Amino acid sequence: MCGIHHFGRRVPQNAPVELDDFAKALDNLTADDLRRVAAALDAESLADEVDWWRATIAIDRAIRHARCTRHAARAAAQAVELVQASAVRAGYHLPDDEITRVARAAAEVARGLAAGPGTQPIVRLLLEPWAPIVPVL
């Protein structure tokens, strides 16, 4: 089985990730989870950033092609709200730079998931920092 190695785990590329599952994971983030995702996002290299921009552009195209702009925007907004709510429950005081980075990353994943199954390979790339948190990985 093909997969992506990340955080010492094998992440299957063909396992579907659902928007509802991702939202549930975001709603249950702990302070440790938030710190781990933020650290993984901070550890990205320049090559990772280039891949992230390419993924974002591909998701934008997929959203336009699928004509689901509003659905994707709602999914992104919900992801941000869930991260912020989890952060507040975990004791963070907003605004917080770390939480902002995590919320933005969650929003982009949610946009990709909202675009449909054709974006799954792209979403897999964006989910790498979330591997220890998202149960479907």
Protein backbone atom coordinates (compact mmCIF):
# COMPACT_ATOMS: atom_id res chain seq x y z
CA MET A 1 0.00 0.00 0.00
CA CYS A 2 1.32 3.41 -0.93
CA GLY A 3 1.60 5.98 1.80
CA ILE A 4 3.23 9.09 3.12
CA HIS A 5 5.62 8.84 6.05
CA HIS A 6 5.05 11.47 8.70
CA PHE A 7 5.68 11.57 12.43
CA GLY A 8 6.87 7.96 12.28
CA ARG A 9 3.46 6.77 11.05
CA ARG A 10 2.34 5.48 7.70
CA VAL A 11 -0.49 7.59 6.30
CA PRO A 12 -2.44 5.63 3.65
CA GLN A 13 -3.00 7.75 0.58
CA ASN A 14 -6.16 5.97 -0.49
CA ALA A 15 -8.09 6.18 2.79
CA PRO A 16 -10.84 8.76 2.34
CA VAL A 17 -10.95 11.73 4.68
CA GLU A 18 -14.39 13.17 5.31
CA LEU A 19 -15.15 16.78 6.19
CA ASP A 20 -17.33 15.68 9.14
CA ASP A 21 -14.51 13.55 10.56
CA PHE A 22 -12.08 16.44 10.27
CA ALA A 23 -14.57 18.80 11.96
CA LYS A 24 -15.01 16.33 14.85
CA ALA A 25 -11.25 16.14 15.29
CA LEU A 26 -11.01 19.94 15.34
CA ASP A 27 -13.78 20.15 17.93
CA ASN A 28 -11.82 17.83 20.23
CA LEU A 29 -8.37 19.47 20.02
CA THR A 30 -6.50 19.75 23.29
CA ALA A 31 -3.78 22.24 24.16
CA ASP A 32 -1.18 19.54 23.40
CA ASP A 33 -2.83 18.82 20.04
CA LEU A 34 -2.80 22.49 19.13
CA ARG A 35 0.88 22.81 20.08
CA ARG A 36 1.79 19.67 18.07
CA VAL A 37 0.03 20.89 14.93
CA ALA A 38 1.53 24.37 15.31
CA ALA A 39 5.00 22.86 15.75
CA ALA A 40 4.55 20.68 12.67
CA LEU A 41 3.42 23.71 10.67
CA ASP A 42 6.43 25.71 11.92
CA ALA A 43 8.81 22.88 10.97
CA GLU A 44 7.83 23.02 7.31
CA SER A 45 10.69 23.69 4.94
CA LEU A 46 10.70 25.99 1.92
CA ALA A 47 9.89 22.98 -0.27
CA ASP A 48 6.90 22.26 1.97
CA GLU A 49 5.73 25.85 1.57
CA VAL A 50 5.97 25.59 -2.22
CA ASP A 51 3.95 22.36 -2.06
CA TRP A 52 1.39 24.12 0.18
CA TRP A 53 0.98 26.97 -2.34
CA ARG A 54 0.60 24.49 -5.20
CA ALA A 55 -1.99 22.58 -3.18
CA THR A 56 -3.87 25.79 -2.43
CA ILE A 57 -3.96 26.72 -6.11
CA ALA A 58 -5.14 23.22 -7.05
CA ILE A 59 -7.89 23.40 -4.42
CA ASP A 60 -8.98 26.80 -5.73
CA ARG A 61 -9.28 25.31 -9.22
CA ALA A 62 -11.17 22.26 -7.96
CA ILE A 63 -13.60 24.45 -6.02
CA ARG A 64 -14.30 26.58 -9.08
CA HIS A 65 -14.66 23.50 -11.29
CA ALA A 66 -17.05 21.81 -8.83
CA ARG A 67 -18.93 25.09 -8.37
CA CYS A 68 -18.90 24.70 -4.62
CA THR A 69 -17.41 28.05 -3.60
CA ARG A 70 -20.01 28.76 -0.92
CA HIS A 71 -19.82 25.26 0.54
CA ALA A 72 -16.02 25.48 0.68
CA ALA A 73 -16.18 28.92 2.31
CA ARG A 74 -18.62 27.65 4.96
CA ALA A 75 -16.42 24.62 5.63
CA ALA A 76 -13.36 26.86 6.04
CA ALA A 77 -15.20 29.24 8.37
CA GLN A 78 -16.48 26.33 10.45
CA ALA A 79 -12.95 24.90 10.70
CA VAL A 80 -11.63 28.24 11.97
CA GLU A 81 -14.45 28.47 14.52
CA LEU A 82 -13.83 24.93 15.76
CA VAL A 83 -10.08 25.52 16.19
CA GLN A 84 -10.73 28.78 18.03
CA ALA A 85 -13.36 27.19 20.29
CA SER A 86 -11.00 24.30 21.10
CA ALA A 87 -8.22 26.78 21.83
CA VAL A 88 -10.40 28.78 24.22
CA ARG A 89 -11.46 25.56 26.01
CA ALA A 90 -7.76 24.64 26.23
CA GLY A 91 -6.98 27.93 27.97
CA TYR A 92 -5.64 30.04 25.10
CA HIS A 93 -6.43 33.73 25.02
CA LEU A 94 -7.29 34.88 21.52
CA PRO A 95 -5.95 36.33 19.35
CA ASP A 96 -2.91 34.07 19.43
CA ASP A 97 -0.40 33.69 16.58
CA GLU A 98 -0.06 29.93 17.08
CA ILE A 99 -3.82 29.40 16.99
CA THR A 100 -4.15 31.64 13.95
CA ARG A 101 -1.65 29.46 12.04
CA VAL A 102 -3.47 26.28 13.07
CA ALA A 103 -6.87 27.76 12.18
CA ARG A 104 -5.67 28.87 8.74
CA ALA A 105 -4.23 25.43 8.05
CA ALA A 106 -7.50 23.82 9.17
CA ALA A 107 -9.47 26.15 6.90
CA GLU A 108 -7.41 25.12 3.88
CA VAL A 109 -7.89 21.42 4.65
CA ALA A 110 -11.64 22.00 5.02
CA ARG A 111 -11.77 23.82 1.67
CA GLY A 112 -10.04 20.88 0.03
CA LEU A 113 -12.37 18.36 1.63
CA ALA A 114 -15.38 20.42 0.57
CA ALA A 115 -14.20 20.36 -3.06
CA GLY A 116 -14.87 16.63 -3.24
CA PRO A 117 -13.02 13.34 -3.67
CA GLY A 118 -10.89 14.61 -6.55
CA THR A 119 -8.86 16.68 -4.11
CA GLN A 120 -8.04 13.79 -1.75
CA PRO A 121 -4.38 13.52 -2.89
CA ILE A 122 -3.95 17.26 -2.36
CA VAL A 123 -5.70 17.17 1.00
CA ARG A 124 -3.38 14.34 2.09
CA LEU A 125 -0.45 16.72 1.65
CA LEU A 126 -2.16 19.41 3.72
CA LEU A 127 -3.10 16.88 6.41
CA GLU A 128 0.48 15.85 7.15
CA PRO A 129 0.83 18.23 10.13
CA TRP A 130 -2.48 16.85 11.46
CA ALA A 131 -1.43 13.16 11.31
CA PRO A 132 -1.21 12.68 15.09
CA ILE A 133 -4.61 14.33 15.61
CA VAL A 134 -6.99 13.30 12.83
CA PRO A 135 -8.20 9.78 13.65
CA VAL A 136 -8.74 8.68 10.05
CA LEU A 137 -5.05 8.99 9.24
